[in-house]
Amino acid sequence: MATRQKRARSTIKASAQVKSNHGSSGMAPAKGKLGVMLPGMGAVATTFVAGVEAIRKGLAKPIGSLTQMGTIRLGKRTDGRSPKLKEFVPLAGLDDLVFTGWDIFEDDMYSAATNAGVLERDLLDKIKPLLSSVKPRKAVFDHNYVKNIDGPNVKKGNNKMDLAEQVRDDIRDFKKTSGASRLITAWCGSTESYIEPTAAHQSLKAFEKAMTQNDENIAPSMIYAYASLMEGVPFANGAPNLTVDIPVMHELARQNEAPICGKDFKTGQTLIKTILAPGFKARMIGLNGWFSTNILGNRDGEVLEDPGSFKTKEESKLSVLEHILQPELYPDLYGKFTHKVRINYYPPRGDNKEGWDNIDIFGWLGYPMQIKVDFLCRDSILAAPIVLDLVLFLDLAKRSSELRGIGIQEWLSFYFKSPMTAPGLYPEHDLFIQLMKLKNTLRHLKGEELITHLGLEYYD
């Protein structure tokens, strides 16, 4: 018992030393307006903006938003300190958000939200003034990257560098006309065709040369990311596109102190996987196979009918189980499992995606069991609060002296199917570890003790 008490006291002392060493890292206050720029004004973007306005008007609650509804425990369980996250760190307020976007279609946000069919018309009519005021800027678009849709509201230029300069002009214009003091870009556009990194993506010099030469390996999303990071604007990528997961964007993010994070918002089926798979692993329950299929009828589903775009999405969705279950460490449990993912475009379903999962597991003495999940979810309803949280947390990172210059914000992995990490470091997909990482980062920034859940000090 004496050894246990000594070890517990040492843990407390070490935690206190962490607090003493780091203090409250410099975080500038959230003064002025925060401009939110959205490439892609479809279902996700319009549901996000409409939701923010409905919440501001007292018409709804911010369900699903960690920044708005979440709390954070500070100190011991017996201390009873659990403030709301938005009261613990200096996040921007919802009243400070202003919006713009780009889209290949000419509909303003009210018309786009109506066409998307996610939110009821009665609610949209109550917030119509704001939504009608957000009109799409001309978009950067390449039909080679998104084959199944087309639209008239598209930028034209001599080359891709010219298009990037036009986006930079848009960014400066929005900052000036909106009165925003800070900006964030959140990609809410389509999934692009699958590509792998090439020489053009390895350095700023190579990338800019490739843009002037109209290199086919420079995707539209990369042009938005380049323009944003060149302007010192943090960038969140809601699709599985390569976009910022290349050396040149890492370089730009660090150089211009413009934080970046992961790929592909973690919403429906993958969210369920990152909840269930850690449970199987924790209990040492084996997995023979996991078959997943989806039907959805929104623009995302239409885009994913193209094999190239589906390949990009498939790579993102397939990586989750491998990283959570670690078959190399547990070959008897996970060394031979089969993982299949299918997505089917079915227009009658609209944004109300349905995901079926058949999970073949085995337990004690190898006896087989099955779990079947039928998740009737609303894709944009799950994605919208992710956009809000990422906007507010990336803005916080930009204002943090400790975070803004490191580039990749791994602590935001919680929100992504494909988290980004430092080169050579495997990503953490376990939802519960991701949440602990996020909250411990906030504790660290404020000089609070990190929570380890050791708990031996309660038994001294």
Protein backbone atom coordinates (compact mmCIF):
# COMPACT_ATOMS: atom_id res chain seq x y z
CA MET A 1 0.00 0.00 0.00
CA ALA A 2 2.88 2.36 0.85
CA THR A 3 4.32 1.82 -2.64
CA ARG A 4 0.95 2.59 -4.24
CA GLN A 5 0.59 5.79 -2.19
CA LYS A 6 4.09 6.88 -3.13
CA ARG A 7 3.40 6.21 -6.81
CA ALA A 8 0.12 8.13 -6.68
CA ARG A 9 1.79 11.10 -4.95
CA SER A 10 4.50 11.06 -7.62
CA THR A 11 1.80 11.15 -10.33
CA ILE A 12 0.14 14.15 -8.70
CA LYS A 13 3.50 15.89 -8.31
CA ALA A 14 4.33 15.23 -11.98
CA SER A 15 0.95 16.60 -13.05
CA ALA A 16 1.53 19.69 -10.96
CA GLN A 17 4.95 20.09 -12.60
CA VAL A 18 3.33 19.90 -16.06
CA LYS A 19 0.94 22.65 -15.00
CA SER A 20 3.79 24.72 -13.59
CA ASN A 21 5.97 24.30 -16.68
CA HIS A 22 3.35 25.18 -19.27
CA GLY A 23 1.17 27.69 -17.51
CA SER A 24 -1.56 29.17 -19.68
CA SER A 25 -0.13 29.31 -23.20
CA GLY A 26 -0.64 32.57 -25.01
CA MET A 27 -4.05 32.67 -26.65
CA ALA A 28 -5.18 35.98 -28.06
CA PRO A 29 -8.82 36.87 -27.35
CA ALA A 30 -11.43 36.31 -30.07
CA LYS A 31 -11.94 39.96 -31.00
CA GLY A 32 -14.03 41.02 -33.98
CA LYS A 33 -15.82 38.99 -36.63
CA LEU A 34 -14.75 35.55 -37.77
CA GLY A 35 -15.22 35.00 -41.49
CA VAL A 36 -16.13 31.48 -42.60
CA MET A 37 -15.39 30.62 -46.23
CA LEU A 38 -17.00 27.53 -47.71
CA PRO A 39 -15.89 26.01 -51.02
CA GLY A 40 -19.05 24.08 -51.93
CA MET A 41 -22.45 25.49 -50.97
CA GLY A 42 -24.42 22.25 -51.04
CA ALA A 43 -26.22 20.30 -48.32
CA VAL A 44 -23.47 20.36 -45.66
CA ALA A 45 -22.57 24.04 -46.02
CA THR A 46 -26.16 25.28 -46.12
CA THR A 47 -27.19 23.09 -43.18
CA PHE A 48 -24.27 24.47 -41.19
CA VAL A 49 -24.98 28.14 -41.95
CA ALA A 50 -28.75 27.73 -41.53
CA GLY A 51 -28.16 25.97 -38.23
CA VAL A 52 -25.92 28.72 -36.90
CA GLU A 53 -28.50 31.36 -37.78
CA ALA A 54 -31.36 29.32 -36.28
CA ILE A 55 -29.39 28.93 -33.05
CA ARG A 56 -28.56 32.64 -32.98
CA LYS A 57 -32.26 33.42 -33.28
CA GLY A 58 -33.18 31.00 -30.51
CA LEU A 59 -35.04 28.68 -32.90
CA ALA A 60 -32.93 25.58 -32.17
CA LYS A 61 -30.21 24.12 -29.96
CA PRO A 62 -26.65 23.31 -31.14
CA ILE A 63 -27.08 19.55 -30.76
CA GLY A 64 -23.95 17.63 -31.74
CA SER A 65 -21.54 20.52 -31.20
CA LEU A 66 -18.82 19.87 -28.65
CA THR A 67 -17.84 23.55 -28.59
CA GLN A 68 -21.37 24.65 -27.75
CA MET A 69 -22.69 21.87 -25.51
CA GLY A 70 -19.63 19.98 -24.27
CA THR A 71 -18.00 20.29 -20.86
CA ILE A 72 -14.45 19.60 -19.70
CA ARG A 73 -13.46 18.14 -16.36
CA LEU A 74 -10.70 20.03 -14.55
CA GLY A 75 -8.72 18.59 -11.65
CA LYS A 76 -9.93 15.71 -9.49
CA ARG A 77 -13.35 14.14 -9.72
CA THR A 78 -13.98 15.41 -6.20
CA ASP A 79 -13.28 19.03 -7.25
CA GLY A 80 -16.58 19.31 -9.13
CA ARG A 81 -15.11 21.57 -11.85
CA SER A 82 -16.65 20.89 -15.26
CA PRO A 83 -17.13 24.15 -17.16
CA LYS A 84 -18.45 24.31 -20.68
CA LEU A 85 -15.69 24.21 -23.28
CA LYS A 86 -16.74 27.57 -24.68
CA GLU A 87 -16.32 29.10 -21.22
CA PHE A 88 -12.96 27.40 -20.60
CA VAL A 89 -11.10 28.55 -23.72
CA PRO A 90 -11.61 31.82 -25.66
CA LEU A 91 -13.69 30.59 -28.58
CA ALA A 92 -15.39 32.96 -31.00
CA GLY A 93 -19.09 33.46 -30.33
CA LEU A 94 -21.73 32.43 -32.84
CA ASP A 95 -22.84 36.04 -33.20
CA ASP A 96 -19.37 36.87 -34.57
CA LEU A 97 -19.58 34.49 -37.55
CA VAL A 98 -20.01 35.84 -41.09
CA PHE A 99 -20.13 33.70 -44.22
CA THR A 100 -19.22 33.42 -47.87
CA GLY A 101 -18.78 30.53 -50.29
CA TRP A 102 -18.00 29.30 -53.77
CA ASP A 103 -20.10 26.95 -55.88
CA ILE A 104 -20.48 25.83 -59.49
CA PHE A 105 -24.22 26.54 -59.24
CA GLU A 106 -25.60 30.07 -58.99
CA ASP A 107 -28.14 29.49 -56.20
CA ASP A 108 -27.87 31.60 -53.07
CA MET A 109 -27.84 29.72 -49.77
CA TYR A 110 -31.61 29.91 -49.31
CA SER A 111 -32.25 28.34 -52.73
CA ALA A 112 -29.42 25.83 -52.27
CA ALA A 113 -30.75 24.80 -48.84
CA THR A 114 -34.26 24.44 -50.26
CA ASN A 115 -32.96 22.27 -53.10
CA ALA A 116 -30.89 20.15 -50.72
CA GLY A 117 -34.04 19.23 -48.82
CA VAL A 118 -32.30 18.66 -45.49
CA LEU A 119 -34.14 21.29 -43.43
CA GLU A 120 -37.84 22.02 -43.33
CA ARG A 121 -39.08 24.93 -45.43
CA ASP A 122 -40.72 26.52 -42.39
CA LEU A 123 -37.36 26.85 -40.63
CA LEU A 124 -35.61 28.11 -43.76
CA ASP A 125 -38.23 30.83 -44.21
CA LYS A 126 -37.55 32.12 -40.69
CA ILE A 127 -33.87 32.62 -41.49
CA LYS A 128 -34.25 33.54 -45.16
CA PRO A 129 -32.69 37.05 -44.96
CA LEU A 130 -29.25 35.73 -44.00
CA LEU A 131 -29.36 32.72 -46.33
CA SER A 132 -30.49 34.81 -49.30
CA SER A 133 -27.62 37.24 -48.72
CA VAL A 134 -24.94 34.56 -49.12
CA LYS A 135 -24.43 34.28 -52.86
CA PRO A 136 -21.83 31.93 -54.37
CA ARG A 137 -18.61 33.27 -55.79
CA LYS A 138 -17.47 31.63 -59.01
CA ALA A 139 -15.83 28.30 -58.25
CA VAL A 140 -12.64 26.61 -59.34
CA PHE A 141 -13.82 23.46 -61.07
CA ASP A 142 -12.23 20.68 -63.12
CA HIS A 143 -14.55 18.12 -64.66
CA ASN A 144 -11.72 15.58 -64.65
CA TYR A 145 -11.89 15.52 -60.86
CA VAL A 146 -15.68 15.50 -60.43
CA LYS A 147 -17.23 13.79 -63.43
CA ASN A 148 -20.91 13.43 -62.56
CA ILE A 149 -21.92 17.05 -61.98
CA ASP A 150 -21.38 20.29 -63.86
CA GLY A 151 -22.44 23.90 -63.42
CA PRO A 152 -22.18 27.35 -65.00
CA ASN A 153 -20.67 29.39 -62.13
CA VAL A 154 -17.03 28.59 -62.83
CA LYS A 155 -13.86 30.68 -62.87
CA LYS A 156 -11.79 30.92 -66.01
CA GLY A 157 -8.08 31.67 -66.13
CA ASN A 158 -4.89 31.28 -68.13
CA ASN A 159 -3.66 28.53 -65.82
CA LYS A 160 -4.15 27.13 -62.33
CA MET A 161 -1.92 29.77 -60.77
CA ASP A 162 -4.22 32.39 -62.26
CA LEU A 163 -7.19 30.62 -60.68
CA ALA A 164 -5.41 30.54 -57.32
CA GLU A 165 -4.79 34.28 -57.54
CA GLN A 166 -8.50 34.79 -58.25
CA VAL A 167 -9.36 32.83 -55.10
CA ARG A 168 -6.87 34.92 -53.12
CA ASP A 169 -8.60 38.03 -54.46
CA ASP A 170 -11.93 36.59 -53.27
CA ILE A 171 -10.47 36.00 -49.81
CA ARG A 172 -9.18 39.57 -49.53
CA ASP A 173 -12.45 40.97 -50.85
CA PHE A 174 -14.52 38.99 -48.32
CA LYS A 175 -12.31 40.08 -45.44
CA LYS A 176 -12.68 43.71 -46.48
CA THR A 177 -16.40 43.74 -47.26
CA SER A 178 -17.46 41.61 -44.27
CA GLY A 179 -15.32 43.42 -41.75
CA ALA A 180 -13.90 40.11 -40.52
CA SER A 181 -10.70 40.29 -38.51
CA ARG A 182 -9.93 36.56 -38.93
CA LEU A 183 -10.82 33.91 -41.52
CA ILE A 184 -11.25 30.12 -41.77
CA THR A 185 -11.76 27.98 -44.89
CA ALA A 186 -13.77 24.74 -44.60
CA TRP A 187 -14.02 22.58 -47.72
CA CYS A 188 -17.61 21.36 -48.05
CA GLY A 189 -17.34 20.49 -51.72
CA SER A 190 -17.41 17.19 -53.56
CA THR A 191 -15.13 14.18 -53.35
CA GLU A 192 -12.55 14.41 -56.11
CA SER A 193 -11.11 11.56 -58.16
CA TYR A 194 -8.38 9.59 -56.45
CA ILE A 195 -4.79 10.73 -56.92
CA GLU A 196 -1.53 10.01 -55.12
CA PRO A 197 1.23 12.50 -54.27
CA THR A 198 3.64 13.31 -57.10
CA ALA A 199 6.76 15.43 -57.49
CA ALA A 200 4.51 18.46 -58.00
CA HIS A 201 3.30 18.18 -54.39
CA GLN A 202 6.68 17.99 -52.68
CA SER A 203 7.67 21.66 -52.33
CA LEU A 204 6.31 25.15 -52.80
CA LYS A 205 8.59 25.78 -55.79
CA ALA A 206 7.47 22.56 -57.51
CA PHE A 207 3.81 23.18 -56.73
CA GLU A 208 3.76 26.73 -58.06
CA LYS A 209 5.60 25.65 -61.20
CA ALA A 210 3.05 22.86 -61.68
CA MET A 211 0.18 25.34 -61.36
CA THR A 212 1.62 27.61 -64.04
CA GLN A 213 1.95 24.55 -66.29
CA ASN A 214 -1.62 23.38 -65.62
CA ASP A 215 -0.35 20.10 -64.16
CA GLU A 216 -3.20 17.59 -64.08
CA ASN A 217 -2.16 16.54 -60.55
CA ILE A 218 -3.23 19.91 -59.08
CA ALA A 219 -6.84 19.37 -58.01
CA PRO A 220 -9.33 22.22 -57.47
CA SER A 221 -9.38 21.63 -53.70
CA MET A 222 -5.60 22.13 -53.66
CA ILE A 223 -6.03 25.50 -55.33
CA TYR A 224 -8.38 26.63 -52.54
CA ALA A 225 -6.00 25.26 -49.92
CA TYR A 226 -3.00 26.98 -51.49
CA ALA A 227 -4.85 30.30 -51.73
CA SER A 228 -6.04 30.04 -48.13
CA LEU A 229 -2.68 29.09 -46.65
CA MET A 230 -0.89 31.76 -48.68
CA GLU A 231 -3.25 34.27 -47.07
CA GLY A 232 -2.53 32.80 -43.63
CA VAL A 233 -6.00 31.26 -43.37
CA PRO A 234 -6.48 27.87 -41.61
CA PHE A 235 -8.01 25.13 -43.77
CA ALA A 236 -10.32 22.21 -42.87
CA ASN A 237 -10.97 19.49 -45.44
CA GLY A 238 -14.41 17.89 -45.21
CA ALA A 239 -13.81 15.44 -48.08
CA PRO A 240 -11.29 12.57 -48.47
CA ASN A 241 -9.42 14.50 -51.17
CA LEU A 242 -5.61 14.64 -50.97
CA THR A 243 -5.75 18.48 -50.72
CA VAL A 244 -3.59 19.45 -47.71
CA ASP A 245 -2.16 15.99 -47.00
CA ILE A 246 0.95 16.71 -49.07
CA PRO A 247 4.37 18.16 -48.15
CA VAL A 248 3.83 21.53 -49.84
CA MET A 249 0.73 22.24 -47.74
CA HIS A 250 2.51 21.15 -44.56
CA GLU A 251 5.28 23.58 -45.47
CA LEU A 252 2.86 26.43 -46.16
CA ALA A 253 0.85 25.80 -43.00
CA ARG A 254 3.95 26.08 -40.82
CA GLN A 255 5.48 28.94 -42.77
CA ASN A 256 2.35 31.11 -42.71
CA GLU A 257 1.05 29.93 -39.32
CA ALA A 258 -2.16 28.65 -40.87
CA PRO A 259 -3.28 25.44 -39.09
CA ILE A 260 -4.51 22.40 -41.04
CA CYS A 261 -6.08 19.16 -39.78
CA GLY A 262 -7.52 15.94 -41.28
CA LYS A 263 -9.59 14.69 -44.20
CA ASP A 264 -13.25 13.71 -44.53
CA PHE A 265 -15.74 14.62 -41.81
CA LYS A 266 -16.54 11.62 -39.60
CA THR A 267 -20.32 11.37 -39.78
CA GLY A 268 -22.40 8.22 -40.39
CA GLN A 269 -21.07 4.72 -40.86
CA THR A 270 -17.46 5.52 -39.99
CA LEU A 271 -18.57 7.24 -36.79
CA ILE A 272 -20.27 3.98 -35.76
CA LYS A 273 -17.12 2.00 -36.63
CA THR A 274 -14.94 4.21 -34.44
CA ILE A 275 -17.38 3.67 -31.57
CA LEU A 276 -17.82 -0.12 -31.93
CA ALA A 277 -14.33 -1.25 -32.98
CA PRO A 278 -12.57 0.15 -29.87
CA GLY A 279 -15.08 -1.80 -27.76
CA PHE A 280 -14.28 -5.06 -29.54
CA LYS A 281 -10.56 -4.45 -29.11
CA ALA A 282 -10.92 -3.49 -25.45
CA ARG A 283 -12.68 -6.81 -24.72
CA MET A 284 -10.37 -8.83 -27.01
CA ILE A 285 -13.30 -9.90 -29.19
CA GLY A 286 -12.16 -11.18 -32.58
CA LEU A 287 -13.32 -9.99 -36.00
CA ASN A 288 -13.79 -12.19 -39.07
CA GLY A 289 -15.41 -9.59 -41.30
CA TRP A 290 -17.17 -6.25 -41.56
CA PHE A 291 -19.37 -5.60 -44.57
CA SER A 292 -20.70 -2.05 -45.00
CA THR A 293 -23.08 -0.71 -47.59
CA ASN A 294 -24.77 2.67 -47.94
CA ILE A 295 -27.58 4.19 -49.95
CA LEU A 296 -27.89 7.94 -50.29
CA GLY A 297 -29.42 10.29 -52.83
CA ASN A 298 -27.79 13.69 -52.35
CA ARG A 299 -25.16 15.36 -54.53
CA ASP A 300 -22.46 13.46 -52.66
CA GLY A 301 -24.05 10.17 -53.69
CA GLU A 302 -24.26 11.29 -57.30
CA VAL A 303 -20.59 12.27 -57.31
CA LEU A 304 -19.58 8.93 -55.74
CA GLU A 305 -21.17 7.03 -58.63
CA ASP A 306 -17.97 7.86 -60.49
CA PRO A 307 -15.36 5.13 -59.81
CA GLY A 308 -12.56 7.68 -59.38
CA SER A 309 -14.39 9.62 -56.69
CA PHE A 310 -15.52 6.39 -55.00
CA LYS A 311 -11.90 5.20 -54.86
CA THR A 312 -10.98 8.34 -52.88
CA LYS A 313 -13.85 7.77 -50.44
CA GLU A 314 -13.14 4.03 -50.17
CA GLU A 315 -9.52 4.63 -49.18
CA SER A 316 -10.68 6.92 -46.40
CA LYS A 317 -13.33 4.54 -45.05
CA LEU A 318 -11.21 1.38 -45.24
CA SER A 319 -8.29 2.71 -43.22
CA VAL A 320 -10.22 3.02 -39.97
CA LEU A 321 -10.42 -0.61 -38.81
CA GLU A 322 -6.79 -1.44 -39.61
CA HIS A 323 -5.53 1.37 -37.41
CA ILE A 324 -7.94 0.78 -34.53
CA LEU A 325 -7.62 -3.02 -34.35
CA GLN A 326 -3.85 -3.22 -35.06
CA PRO A 327 -3.83 -6.74 -36.61
CA GLU A 328 -0.02 -6.81 -36.48
CA LEU A 329 -0.24 -6.77 -32.67
CA TYR A 330 -3.28 -9.07 -32.42
CA PRO A 331 -2.98 -11.57 -35.29
CA ASP A 332 -5.19 -14.19 -33.61
CA LEU A 333 -8.04 -11.68 -33.32
CA TYR A 334 -7.70 -9.41 -36.34
CA GLY A 335 -5.08 -10.92 -38.63
CA LYS A 336 -7.47 -12.19 -41.29
CA PHE A 337 -10.60 -10.04 -41.20
CA THR A 338 -12.35 -8.98 -44.41
CA HIS A 339 -13.51 -5.38 -44.72
CA LYS A 340 -15.79 -4.34 -47.60
CA VAL A 341 -17.41 -0.94 -48.23
CA ARG A 342 -20.10 -0.16 -50.82
CA ILE A 343 -21.89 3.12 -51.61
CA ASN A 344 -24.96 3.24 -53.85
CA TYR A 345 -26.60 6.35 -55.28
CA TYR A 346 -30.36 6.11 -54.69
CA PRO A 347 -32.10 9.46 -55.42
CA PRO A 348 -35.35 8.83 -53.46
CA ARG A 349 -33.38 8.77 -50.20
CA GLY A 350 -31.98 12.30 -50.60
CA ASP A 351 -29.73 13.38 -47.72
CA ASN A 352 -31.17 10.71 -45.41
CA LYS A 353 -28.45 8.14 -45.84
CA GLU A 354 -28.96 4.55 -44.70
CA GLY A 355 -25.96 2.49 -43.72
CA TRP A 356 -26.09 -1.27 -43.17
CA ASP A 357 -23.30 -3.11 -41.39
CA ASN A 358 -22.92 -6.87 -41.02
CA ILE A 359 -20.21 -7.61 -38.45
CA ASP A 360 -18.93 -11.17 -37.99
CA ILE A 361 -17.19 -11.44 -34.63
CA PHE A 362 -15.95 -14.36 -32.51
CA GLY A 363 -15.45 -14.86 -28.82
CA TRP A 364 -14.32 -17.37 -26.20
CA LEU A 365 -12.93 -20.57 -27.80
CA GLY A 366 -13.53 -19.04 -31.23
CA TYR A 367 -17.33 -19.30 -31.20
CA PRO A 368 -18.87 -17.02 -33.88
CA MET A 369 -21.41 -14.24 -33.29
CA GLN A 370 -22.96 -11.50 -35.44
CA ILE A 371 -23.93 -7.87 -35.03
CA LYS A 372 -26.12 -6.09 -37.56
CA VAL A 373 -26.48 -2.32 -37.60
CA ASP A 374 -29.01 -0.34 -39.64
CA PHE A 375 -28.20 3.35 -39.22
CA LEU A 376 -30.78 5.67 -40.79
CA CYS A 377 -28.86 8.89 -40.46
CA ARG A 378 -29.04 12.39 -41.85
CA ASP A 379 -25.61 13.03 -43.28
CA SER A 380 -25.64 16.82 -43.26
CA ILE A 381 -27.23 16.97 -39.80
CA LEU A 382 -24.24 15.03 -38.48
CA ALA A 383 -21.71 17.04 -40.50
CA ALA A 384 -22.93 20.57 -39.71
CA PRO A 385 -21.80 20.65 -36.04
CA ILE A 386 -18.43 19.24 -37.12
CA VAL A 387 -17.98 22.24 -39.43
CA LEU A 388 -18.86 24.60 -36.59
CA ASP A 389 -16.47 22.99 -34.12
CA LEU A 390 -13.60 22.91 -36.63
CA VAL A 391 -14.14 26.58 -37.52
CA LEU A 392 -14.00 27.60 -33.87
CA PHE A 393 -11.13 25.30 -32.88
CA LEU A 394 -8.98 26.22 -35.92
CA ASP A 395 -9.53 29.87 -35.09
CA LEU A 396 -8.41 29.11 -31.52
CA ALA A 397 -5.31 27.33 -32.86
CA LYS A 398 -4.51 30.33 -35.05
CA ARG A 399 -4.67 32.56 -31.96
CA SER A 400 -2.53 30.20 -29.86
CA SER A 401 1.20 30.92 -29.83
CA GLU A 402 1.88 27.23 -29.18
CA LEU A 403 -0.33 25.77 -31.92
CA ARG A 404 -0.38 28.14 -34.86
CA GLY A 405 3.13 27.41 -36.12
CA ILE A 406 3.06 23.58 -35.98
CA GLY A 407 0.89 23.05 -39.07
CA ILE A 408 -1.03 19.81 -38.49
CA GLN A 409 -3.46 19.93 -35.56
CA GLU A 410 -3.58 16.25 -34.64
CA TRP A 411 -5.74 17.05 -31.60
CA LEU A 412 -8.63 17.64 -34.03
CA SER A 413 -8.52 14.01 -35.28
CA PHE A 414 -11.81 13.49 -33.40
CA TYR A 415 -13.68 15.00 -36.35
CA PHE A 416 -12.15 13.08 -39.28
CA LYS A 417 -12.28 9.71 -41.00
CA SER A 418 -8.64 10.22 -42.02
CA PRO A 419 -6.71 12.10 -39.33
CA MET A 420 -3.47 13.78 -40.33
CA THR A 421 -0.28 13.27 -38.35
CA ALA A 422 3.39 14.14 -38.51
CA PRO A 423 5.20 12.11 -41.21
CA GLY A 424 5.95 8.58 -40.02
CA LEU A 425 3.40 8.66 -37.19
CA TYR A 426 0.37 6.37 -37.42
CA PRO A 427 -3.03 8.07 -37.00
CA GLU A 428 -5.21 7.46 -33.94
CA HIS A 429 -8.75 6.50 -35.00
CA ASP A 430 -10.24 5.41 -31.65
CA LEU A 431 -12.97 8.01 -31.00
CA PHE A 432 -12.48 7.93 -27.25
CA ILE A 433 -8.71 8.37 -27.40
CA GLN A 434 -9.27 11.19 -29.90
CA LEU A 435 -11.64 12.95 -27.49
CA MET A 436 -9.15 12.57 -24.64
CA LYS A 437 -6.42 14.01 -26.86
CA LEU A 438 -8.62 16.99 -27.78
CA LYS A 439 -9.59 17.81 -24.19
CA ASN A 440 -6.06 17.27 -22.85
CA THR A 441 -4.76 19.69 -25.47
CA LEU A 442 -7.17 22.32 -24.18
CA ARG A 443 -6.16 21.58 -20.57
CA HIS A 444 -2.51 21.87 -21.58
CA LEU A 445 -3.08 25.23 -23.26
CA LYS A 446 -4.71 26.56 -20.10
CA GLY A 447 -2.11 25.15 -17.71
CA GLU A 448 -4.49 22.64 -16.13
CA GLU A 449 -3.48 19.12 -15.07
CA LEU A 450 -3.88 16.52 -17.80
CA ILE A 451 -6.47 13.85 -17.02
CA THR A 452 -5.01 10.32 -17.07
CA HIS A 453 -7.84 8.52 -15.19
CA LEU A 454 -5.24 6.81 -12.98
CA GLY A 455 -7.21 7.64 -9.83
CA LEU A 456 -4.95 6.04 -7.23
CA GLU A 457 -4.83 9.26 -5.23
CA TYR A 458 -8.43 8.71 -4.16
CA TYR A 459 -7.39 5.59 -2.23
CA ASP A 460 -4.51 6.99 -0.19
